[in-house]
PDB file of all heavy atoms in Angstrom:
ATOM      1  N   VAL A   1       0.841  -1.209  -0.001  1.00  0.00           N
ATOM      2  CA  VAL A   1       0.001   0.002  -0.002  1.00  0.00           C
ATOM      3  C   VAL A   1       0.872   1.256   0.001  1.00  0.00           C
ATOM      4  O   VAL A   1       0.588   2.225  -0.727  1.00  0.00           O
ATOM      5  CB  VAL A   1      -0.960  -0.012   1.212  1.00  0.00           C
ATOM      6  CG1 VAL A   1      -1.655   1.332   1.364  1.00  0.00           C
ATOM      7  CG2 VAL A   1      -1.986  -1.129   1.061  1.00  0.00           C
ATOM      8  N   LEU A   2       1.929   1.255   0.819  1.00  0.00           N
ATOM      9  CA  LEU A   2       2.834   2.416   0.838  1.00  0.00           C
ATOM     10  C   LEU A   2       3.477   2.646  -0.528  1.00  0.00           C
ATOM     11  O   LEU A   2       3.593   3.790  -0.987  1.00  0.00           O
ATOM     12  CB  LEU A   2       3.915   2.222   1.904  1.00  0.00           C
ATOM     13  CG  LEU A   2       3.455   2.342   3.357  1.00  0.00           C
ATOM     14  CD1 LEU A   2       4.607   2.010   4.302  1.00  0.00           C
ATOM     15  CD2 LEU A   2       2.923   3.736   3.629  1.00  0.00           C
ATOM     16  N   MET A   3       3.872   1.569  -1.204  1.00  0.00           N
ATOM     17  CA  MET A   3       4.477   1.719  -2.529  1.00  0.00           C
ATOM     18  C   MET A   3       3.473   2.263  -3.535  1.00  0.00           C
ATOM     19  O   MET A   3       3.814   3.109  -4.377  1.00  0.00           O
ATOM     20  CB  MET A   3       5.041   0.374  -3.003  1.00  0.00           C
ATOM     21  CG  MET A   3       6.259  -0.092  -2.241  1.00  0.00           C
ATOM     22  SD  MET A   3       6.921  -1.660  -2.831  1.00  0.00           S
ATOM     23  CE  MET A   3       7.425  -1.209  -4.472  1.00  0.00           C
ATOM     24  N   ILE A   4       2.234   1.809  -3.472  1.00  0.00           N
ATOM     25  CA  ILE A   4       1.207   2.315  -4.393  1.00  0.00           C
ATOM     26  C   ILE A   4       0.968   3.804  -4.156  1.00  0.00           C
ATOM     27  O   ILE A   4       0.850   4.601  -5.103  1.00  0.00           O
ATOM     28  CB  ILE A   4      -0.094   1.500  -4.235  1.00  0.00           C
ATOM     29  CG1 ILE A   4       0.110   0.082  -4.763  1.00  0.00           C
ATOM     30  CG2 ILE A   4      -1.245   2.169  -4.972  1.00  0.00           C
ATOM     31  CD1 ILE A   4      -1.054  -0.834  -4.501  1.00  0.00           C
ATOM     32  N   VAL A   5       0.904   4.207  -2.872  1.00  0.00           N
ATOM     33  CA  VAL A   5       0.696   5.627  -2.559  1.00  0.00           C
ATOM     34  C   VAL A   5       1.866   6.462  -3.073  1.00  0.00           C
ATOM     35  O   VAL A   5       1.676   7.541  -3.662  1.00  0.00           O
ATOM     36  CB  VAL A   5       0.507   5.812  -1.034  1.00  0.00           C
ATOM     37  CG1 VAL A   5       0.540   7.271  -0.659  1.00  0.00           C
ATOM     38  CG2 VAL A   5      -0.798   5.165  -0.587  1.00  0.00           C
ATOM     39  N   GLU A   6       3.094   5.968  -2.871  1.00  0.00           N
ATOM     40  CA  GLU A   6       4.266   6.701  -3.359  1.00  0.00           C
ATOM     41  C   GLU A   6       4.260   6.815  -4.879  1.00  0.00           C
ATOM     42  O   GLU A   6       4.573   7.876  -5.433  1.00  0.00           O
ATOM     43  CB  GLU A   6       5.544   6.012  -2.894  1.00  0.00           C
ATOM     44  CG  GLU A   6       5.788   6.135  -1.395  1.00  0.00           C
ATOM     45  CD  GLU A   6       7.011   5.360  -0.947  1.00  0.00           C
ATOM     46  OE1 GLU A   6       7.622   4.690  -1.811  1.00  0.00           O
ATOM     47  OE2 GLU A   6       7.347   5.419   0.244  1.00  0.00           O
ATOM     48  N   LEU A   7       3.897   5.733  -5.561  1.00  0.00           N
ATOM     49  CA  LEU A   7       3.839   5.785  -7.023  1.00  0.00           C
ATOM     50  C   LEU A   7       2.791   6.783  -7.507  1.00  0.00           C
ATOM     51  O   LEU A   7       3.033   7.535  -8.460  1.00  0.00           O
ATOM     52  CB  LEU A   7       3.537   4.393  -7.585  1.00  0.00           C
ATOM     53  CG  LEU A   7       4.691   3.387  -7.572  1.00  0.00           C
ATOM     54  CD1 LEU A   7       4.209   2.014  -7.988  1.00  0.00           C
ATOM     55  CD2 LEU A   7       5.787   3.857  -8.500  1.00  0.00           C
ATOM     56  N   LEU A   8       1.645   6.798  -6.848  1.00  0.00           N
ATOM     57  CA  LEU A   8       0.602   7.748  -7.253  1.00  0.00           C
ATOM     58  C   LEU A   8       1.032   9.184  -6.985  1.00  0.00           C
ATOM     59  O   LEU A   8       0.683  10.093  -7.746  1.00  0.00           O
ATOM     60  CB  LEU A   8      -0.701   7.435  -6.517  1.00  0.00           C
ATOM     61  CG  LEU A   8      -1.414   6.150  -6.943  1.00  0.00           C
ATOM     62  CD1 LEU A   8      -2.647   5.905  -6.076  1.00  0.00           C
ATOM     63  CD2 LEU A   8      -1.804   6.217  -8.408  1.00  0.00           C
ATOM     64  N   MET A   9       1.791   9.399  -5.917  1.00  0.00           N
ATOM     65  CA  MET A   9       2.268  10.750  -5.626  1.00  0.00           C
ATOM     66  C   MET A   9       3.308  11.220  -6.641  1.00  0.00           C
ATOM     67  O   MET A   9       3.392  12.407  -6.954  1.00  0.00           O
ATOM     68  CB  MET A   9       2.858  10.800  -4.208  1.00  0.00           C
ATOM     69  CG  MET A   9       1.818  10.659  -3.103  1.00  0.00           C
ATOM     70  SD  MET A   9       2.575  10.561  -1.465  1.00  0.00           S
ATOM     71  CE  MET A   9       3.376  12.157  -1.376  1.00  0.00           C
ATOM     72  N   VAL A  10       4.108  10.273  -7.163  1.00  0.00           N
ATOM     73  CA  VAL A  10       5.189  10.654  -8.082  1.00  0.00           C
ATOM     74  C   VAL A  10       4.714  10.656  -9.526  1.00  0.00           C
ATOM     75  O   VAL A  10       4.976  11.602 -10.278  1.00  0.00           O
ATOM     76  CB  VAL A  10       6.393   9.711  -7.902  1.00  0.00           C
ATOM     77  CG1 VAL A  10       7.467  10.019  -8.930  1.00  0.00           C
ATOM     78  CG2 VAL A  10       6.957   9.846  -6.498  1.00  0.00           C
ATOM     79  N   VAL A  11       4.033   9.602  -9.934  1.00  0.00           N
ATOM     80  CA  VAL A  11       3.629   9.474 -11.342  1.00  0.00           C
ATOM     81  C   VAL A  11       2.113   9.450 -11.487  1.00  0.00           C
ATOM     82  O   VAL A  11       1.583   8.825 -12.400  1.00  0.00           O
ATOM     83  CB  VAL A  11       4.253   8.209 -11.979  1.00  0.00           C
ATOM     84  CG1 VAL A  11       5.747   8.319 -12.038  1.00  0.00           C
ATOM     85  CG2 VAL A  11       3.835   6.955 -11.228  1.00  0.00           C
ATOM     86  N   GLY A  12       1.413  10.111 -10.610  1.00  0.00           N
ATOM     87  CA  GLY A  12      -0.035  10.166 -10.683  1.00  0.00           C
ATOM     88  C   GLY A  12      -0.520  11.006 -11.855  1.00  0.00           C
ATOM     89  O   GLY A  12       0.255  11.685 -12.533  1.00  0.00           O
ATOM     90  N   PRO A  13      -1.817  10.993 -12.102  1.00  0.00           N
ATOM     91  CA  PRO A  13      -2.356  11.744 -13.250  1.00  0.00           C
ATOM     92  C   PRO A  13      -2.183  13.255 -13.126  1.00  0.00           C
ATOM     93  O   PRO A  13      -2.243  13.961 -14.129  1.00  0.00           O
ATOM     94  CB  PRO A  13      -3.852  11.366 -13.242  1.00  0.00           C
ATOM     95  CG  PRO A  13      -4.113  10.867 -11.858  1.00  0.00           C
ATOM     96  CD  PRO A  13      -2.847  10.261 -11.371  1.00  0.00           C
ATOM     97  N   GLN A  14      -1.960  13.769 -11.910  1.00  0.00           N
ATOM     98  CA  GLN A  14      -1.751  15.210 -11.769  1.00  0.00           C
ATOM     99  C   GLN A  14      -0.390  15.653 -12.254  1.00  0.00           C
ATOM    100  O   GLN A  14      -0.150  16.842 -12.467  1.00  0.00           O
ATOM    101  CB  GLN A  14      -1.948  15.655 -10.300  1.00  0.00           C
ATOM    102  CG  GLN A  14      -0.892  15.153  -9.348  1.00  0.00           C
ATOM    103  CD  GLN A  14      -1.226  13.778  -8.802  1.00  0.00           C
ATOM    104  OE1 GLN A  14      -2.085  13.086  -9.329  1.00  0.00           O
ATOM    105  NE2 GLN A  14      -0.541  13.384  -7.720  1.00  0.00           N
ATOM    106  N   HIS A  15       0.538  14.693 -12.440  1.00  0.00           N
ATOM    107  CA  HIS A  15       1.883  15.023 -12.908  1.00  0.00           C
ATOM    108  C   HIS A  15       2.123  14.614 -14.356  1.00  0.00           C
ATOM    109  O   HIS A  15       2.982  15.159 -15.017  1.00  0.00           O
ATOM    110  CB  HIS A  15       2.940  14.355 -12.019  1.00  0.00           C
ATOM    111  CG  HIS A  15       2.879  14.799 -10.590  1.00  0.00           C
ATOM    112  ND1 HIS A  15       3.171  16.088 -10.186  1.00  0.00           N
ATOM    113  CD2 HIS A  15       2.540  14.126  -9.455  1.00  0.00           C
ATOM    114  CE1 HIS A  15       3.031  16.188  -8.873  1.00  0.00           C
ATOM    115  NE2 HIS A  15       2.654  15.007  -8.403  1.00  0.00           N
ATOM    116  N   PHE A  16       1.396  13.588 -14.818  1.00  0.00           N
ATOM    117  CA  PHE A  16       1.611  13.087 -16.169  1.00  0.00           C
ATOM    118  C   PHE A  16       0.272  13.042 -16.909  1.00  0.00           C
ATOM    119  O   PHE A  16      -0.797  13.015 -16.306  1.00  0.00           O
ATOM    120  CB  PHE A  16       2.240  11.690 -16.144  1.00  0.00           C
ATOM    121  CG  PHE A  16       3.666  11.701 -15.677  1.00  0.00           C
ATOM    122  CD1 PHE A  16       3.965  11.493 -14.337  1.00  0.00           C
ATOM    123  CD2 PHE A  16       4.702  11.929 -16.553  1.00  0.00           C
ATOM    124  CE1 PHE A  16       5.269  11.503 -13.892  1.00  0.00           C
ATOM    125  CE2 PHE A  16       6.012  11.949 -16.121  1.00  0.00           C
ATOM    126  CZ  PHE A  16       6.301  11.739 -14.785  1.00  0.00           C
ATOM    127  N   GLY A  17       0.357  12.995 -18.207  1.00  0.00           N
ATOM    128  CA  GLY A  17      -0.832  12.942 -19.040  1.00  0.00           C
ATOM    129  C   GLY A  17      -0.645  13.773 -20.291  1.00  0.00           C
ATOM    130  O   GLY A  17       0.285  14.576 -20.410  1.00  0.00           O
ATOM    131  N   LEU A  18      -1.543  13.582 -21.246  1.00  0.00           N
ATOM    132  CA  LEU A  18      -1.442  14.321 -22.496  1.00  0.00           C
ATOM    133  C   LEU A  18      -1.710  15.811 -22.313  1.00  0.00           C
ATOM    134  O   LEU A  18      -1.297  16.621 -23.147  1.00  0.00           O
ATOM    135  CB  LEU A  18      -2.426  13.732 -23.521  1.00  0.00           C
ATOM    136  CG  LEU A  18      -2.101  12.313 -24.000  1.00  0.00           C
ATOM    137  CD1 LEU A  18      -3.153  11.838 -24.976  1.00  0.00           C
ATOM    138  CD2 LEU A  18      -0.716  12.259 -24.628  1.00  0.00           C
ATOM    139  N   ASP A  19      -2.402  16.168 -21.223  1.00  0.00           N
ATOM    140  CA  ASP A  19      -2.607  17.598 -20.977  1.00  0.00           C
ATOM    141  C   ASP A  19      -1.343  18.260 -20.423  1.00  0.00           C
ATOM    142  O   ASP A  19      -1.164  19.472 -20.539  1.00  0.00           O
ATOM    143  CB  ASP A  19      -3.773  17.802 -20.012  1.00  0.00           C
ATOM    144  CG  ASP A  19      -3.600  17.012 -18.727  1.00  0.00           C
ATOM    145  OD1 ASP A  19      -2.830  16.034 -18.740  1.00  0.00           O
ATOM    146  OD2 ASP A  19      -4.232  17.383 -17.718  1.00  0.00           O
ATOM    147  N   LYS A  20      -0.436  17.446 -19.807  1.00  0.00           N
ATOM    148  CA  LYS A  20       0.824  17.977 -19.294  1.00  0.00           C
ATOM    149  C   LYS A  20       1.926  17.915 -20.339  1.00  0.00           C
ATOM    150  O   LYS A  20       2.727  18.827 -20.465  1.00  0.00           O
ATOM    151  CB  LYS A  20       1.254  17.192 -18.051  1.00  0.00           C
ATOM    152  CG  LYS A  20       0.244  17.213 -16.912  1.00  0.00           C
ATOM    153  CD  LYS A  20       0.244  18.553 -16.201  1.00  0.00           C
ATOM    154  CE  LYS A  20      -0.709  18.511 -15.012  1.00  0.00           C
ATOM    155  NZ  LYS A  20      -0.765  19.808 -14.317  1.00  0.00           N
ATOM    156  N   TYR A  21       1.980  16.781 -21.040  1.00  0.00           N
ATOM    157  CA  TYR A  21       3.015  16.567 -22.051  1.00  0.00           C
ATOM    158  C   TYR A  21       2.344  16.124 -23.339  1.00  0.00           C
ATOM    159  O   TYR A  21       1.468  15.254 -23.337  1.00  0.00           O
ATOM    160  CB  TYR A  21       4.022  15.500 -21.602  1.00  0.00           C
ATOM    161  CG  TYR A  21       4.739  15.838 -20.318  1.00  0.00           C
ATOM    162  CD1 TYR A  21       4.292  15.339 -19.102  1.00  0.00           C
ATOM    163  CD2 TYR A  21       5.849  16.669 -20.318  1.00  0.00           C
ATOM    164  CE1 TYR A  21       4.934  15.644 -17.919  1.00  0.00           C
ATOM    165  CE2 TYR A  21       6.508  16.982 -19.138  1.00  0.00           C
ATOM    166  CZ  TYR A  21       6.038  16.469 -17.944  1.00  0.00           C
ATOM    167  OH  TYR A  21       6.680  16.785 -16.777  1.00  0.00           O
ATOM    168  N   ALA A  22       2.775  16.690 -24.428  1.00  0.00           N
ATOM    169  CA  ALA A  22       2.206  16.323 -25.720  1.00  0.00           C
ATOM    170  C   ALA A  22       2.651  14.917 -26.111  1.00  0.00           C
ATOM    171  O   ALA A  22       3.723  14.453 -25.724  1.00  0.00           O
ATOM    172  CB  ALA A  22       2.643  17.329 -26.786  1.00  0.00           C
ATOM    173  N   ALA A  23       1.819  14.243 -26.878  1.00  0.00           N
ATOM    174  CA  ALA A  23       2.162  12.902 -27.344  1.00  0.00           C
ATOM    175  C   ALA A  23       3.362  12.977 -28.276  1.00  0.00           C
ATOM    176  O   ALA A  23       3.473  13.908 -29.080  1.00  0.00           O
ATOM    177  CB  ALA A  23       0.970  12.274 -28.059  1.00  0.00           C
ATOM    178  N   PRO A  24       4.292  12.024 -28.179  1.00  0.00           N
ATOM    179  CA  PRO A  24       5.462  12.058 -29.068  1.00  0.00           C
ATOM    180  C   PRO A  24       5.041  11.888 -30.522  1.00  0.00           C
ATOM    181  O   PRO A  24       4.066  11.209 -30.827  1.00  0.00           O
ATOM    182  CB  PRO A  24       6.314  10.873 -28.585  1.00  0.00           C
ATOM    183  CG  PRO A  24       5.363   9.983 -27.859  1.00  0.00           C
ATOM    184  CD  PRO A  24       4.315  10.862 -27.263  1.00  0.00           C
ATOM    185  N   ALA A  25       5.810  12.498 -31.401  1.00  0.00           N
ATOM    186  CA  ALA A  25       5.502  12.434 -32.827  1.00  0.00           C
ATOM    187  C   ALA A  25       5.729  11.020 -33.347  1.00  0.00           C
ATOM    188  O   ALA A  25       6.687  10.342 -32.953  1.00  0.00           O
ATOM    189  CB  ALA A  25       6.364  13.432 -33.588  1.00  0.00           C
ATOM    190  N   LYS A  26       4.859  10.594 -34.257  1.00  0.00           N
ATOM    191  CA  LYS A  26       4.994   9.269 -34.848  1.00  0.00           C
ATOM    192  C   LYS A  26       6.132   9.286 -35.871  1.00  0.00           C
ATOM    193  O   LYS A  26       6.315  10.251 -36.592  1.00  0.00           O
ATOM    194  CB  LYS A  26       3.685   8.857 -35.529  1.00  0.00           C
ATOM    195  CG  LYS A  26       2.505   8.723 -34.572  1.00  0.00           C
ATOM    196  CD  LYS A  26       2.714   7.560 -33.629  1.00  0.00           C
ATOM    197  CE  LYS A  26       1.501   7.397 -32.714  1.00  0.00           C
ATOM    198  NZ  LYS A  26       1.680   6.305 -31.754  1.00  0.00           N
ATOM    199  N   HIS A  27       6.865   8.181 -35.910  1.00  0.00           N
ATOM    200  CA  HIS A  27       7.974   8.076 -36.839  1.00  0.00           C
ATOM    201  C   HIS A  27       7.513   7.444 -38.151  1.00  0.00           C
ATOM    202  O   HIS A  27       6.462   6.804 -38.217  1.00  0.00           O
ATOM    203  CB  HIS A  27       9.106   7.248 -36.234  1.00  0.00           C
ATOM    204  CG  HIS A  27       9.710   7.876 -35.018  1.00  0.00           C
ATOM    205  ND1 HIS A  27      10.539   8.970 -35.068  1.00  0.00           N
ATOM    206  CD2 HIS A  27       9.599   7.572 -33.692  1.00  0.00           C
ATOM    207  CE1 HIS A  27      10.925   9.313 -33.844  1.00  0.00           C
ATOM    208  NE2 HIS A  27      10.356   8.472 -32.996  1.00  0.00           N
ATOM    209  N   ALA A  28       8.326   7.609 -39.161  1.00  0.00           N
ATOM    210  CA  ALA A  28       8.003   7.034 -40.462  1.00  0.00           C
ATOM    211  C   ALA A  28       8.173   5.520 -40.439  1.00  0.00           C
ATOM    212  O   ALA A  28       8.723   4.946 -39.492  1.00  0.00           O
ATOM    213  CB  ALA A  28       8.915   7.652 -41.527  1.00  0.00           C
ATOM    214  N   ALA A  29       7.710   4.854 -41.488  1.00  0.00           N
ATOM    215  CA  ALA A  29       7.745   3.390 -41.533  1.00  0.00           C
ATOM    216  C   ALA A  29       9.165   2.859 -41.608  1.00  0.00           C
ATOM    217  O   ALA A  29       9.436   1.740 -41.156  1.00  0.00           O
ATOM    218  CB  ALA A  29       6.934   2.890 -42.729  1.00  0.00           C
ATOM    219  N   ASP A  30      10.098   3.637 -42.173  1.00  0.00           N
ATOM    220  CA  ASP A  30      11.476   3.166 -42.285  1.00  0.00           C
ATOM    221  C   ASP A  30      12.329   3.530 -41.075  1.00  0.00           C
ATOM    222  O   ASP A  30      13.545   3.361 -41.094  1.00  0.00           O
ATOM    223  CB  ASP A  30      12.120   3.732 -43.555  1.00  0.00           C
ATOM    224  CG  ASP A  30      12.114   5.266 -43.555  1.00  0.00           C
ATOM    225  OD1 ASP A  30      11.413   5.856 -42.712  1.00  0.00           O
ATOM    226  OD2 ASP A  30      12.810   5.863 -44.406  1.00  0.00           O
ATOM    227  N   TYR A  31      11.711   4.016 -40.001  1.00  0.00           N
ATOM    228  CA  TYR A  31      12.448   4.379 -38.781  1.00  0.00           C
ATOM    229  C   TYR A  31      12.942   3.115 -38.095  1.00  0.00           C
ATOM    230  O   TYR A  31      12.212   2.133 -37.939  1.00  0.00           O
ATOM    231  CB  TYR A  31      11.553   5.178 -37.840  1.00  0.00           C
ATOM    232  CG  TYR A  31      12.157   5.446 -36.487  1.00  0.00           C
ATOM    233  CD1 TYR A  31      13.112   6.431 -36.316  1.00  0.00           C
ATOM    234  CD2 TYR A  31      11.765   4.702 -35.375  1.00  0.00           C
ATOM    235  CE1 TYR A  31      13.666   6.692 -35.077  1.00  0.00           C
ATOM    236  CE2 TYR A  31      12.314   4.947 -34.132  1.00  0.00           C
ATOM    237  CZ  TYR A  31      13.262   5.941 -33.987  1.00  0.00           C
ATOM    238  OH  TYR A  31      13.811   6.180 -32.754  1.00  0.00           O
ATOM    239  N   SER A  32      14.196   3.120 -37.646  1.00  0.00           N
ATOM    240  CA  SER A  32      14.789   1.980 -36.964  1.00  0.00           C
ATOM    241  C   SER A  32      15.239   2.419 -35.575  1.00  0.00           C
ATOM    242  O   SER A  32      16.190   3.199 -35.445  1.00  0.00           O
ATOM    243  CB  SER A  32      15.976   1.422 -37.768  1.00  0.00           C
ATOM    244  OG  SER A  32      16.626   0.411 -37.025  1.00  0.00           O
ATOM    245  N   ASN A  33      14.576   1.904 -34.583  1.00  0.00           N
ATOM    246  CA  ASN A  33      14.943   2.203 -33.207  1.00  0.00           C
ATOM    247  C   ASN A  33      16.317   1.639 -32.864  1.00  0.00           C
ATOM    248  O   ASN A  33      17.087   2.258 -32.140  1.00  0.00           O
ATOM    249  CB  ASN A  33      13.881   1.635 -32.255  1.00  0.00           C
ATOM    250  CG  ASN A  33      14.247   1.815 -30.809  1.00  0.00           C
ATOM    251  OD1 ASN A  33      14.662   0.876 -30.149  1.00  0.00           O
ATOM    252  ND2 ASN A  33      14.085   3.027 -30.305  1.00  0.00           N
ATOM    253  N   THR A  34      16.634   0.479 -33.416  1.00  0.00           N
ATOM    254  CA  THR A  34      17.936  -0.143 -33.164  1.00  0.00           C
ATOM    255  C   THR A  34      19.067   0.726 -33.716  1.00  0.00           C
ATOM    256  O   THR A  34      20.098   0.923 -33.064  1.00  0.00           O
ATOM    257  CB  THR A  34      17.976  -1.541 -33.804  1.00  0.00           C
ATOM    258  OG1 THR A  34      16.851  -2.292 -33.345  1.00  0.00           O
ATOM    259  CG2 THR A  34      19.256  -2.263 -33.430  1.00  0.00           C
ATOM    260  N   LYS A  35      18.880   1.238 -34.911  1.00  0.00           N
ATOM    261  CA  LYS A  35      19.901   2.092 -35.517  1.00  0.00           C
ATOM    262  C   LYS A  35      20.097   3.370 -34.703  1.00  0.00           C
ATOM    263  O   LYS A  35      21.234   3.789 -34.429  1.00  0.00           O
ATOM    264  CB  LYS A  35      19.496   2.435 -36.950  1.00  0.00           C
ATOM    265  CG  LYS A  35      20.456   3.365 -37.655  1.00  0.00           C
ATOM    266  CD  LYS A  35      19.953   3.707 -39.048  1.00  0.00           C
ATOM    267  CE  LYS A  35      20.871   4.729 -39.719  1.00  0.00           C
ATOM    268  NZ  LYS A  35      20.361   5.122 -41.051  1.00  0.00           N
TER     269      LYS A  35
END
């Protein structure tokens, strides 16, 4: 329970979300994450 409360305090919806940070741009089909 303590770990869940700590996680919600750190990464809860009040700190993260599309309203806080914009969604990352989509890459093209030839994009290689490994490269």
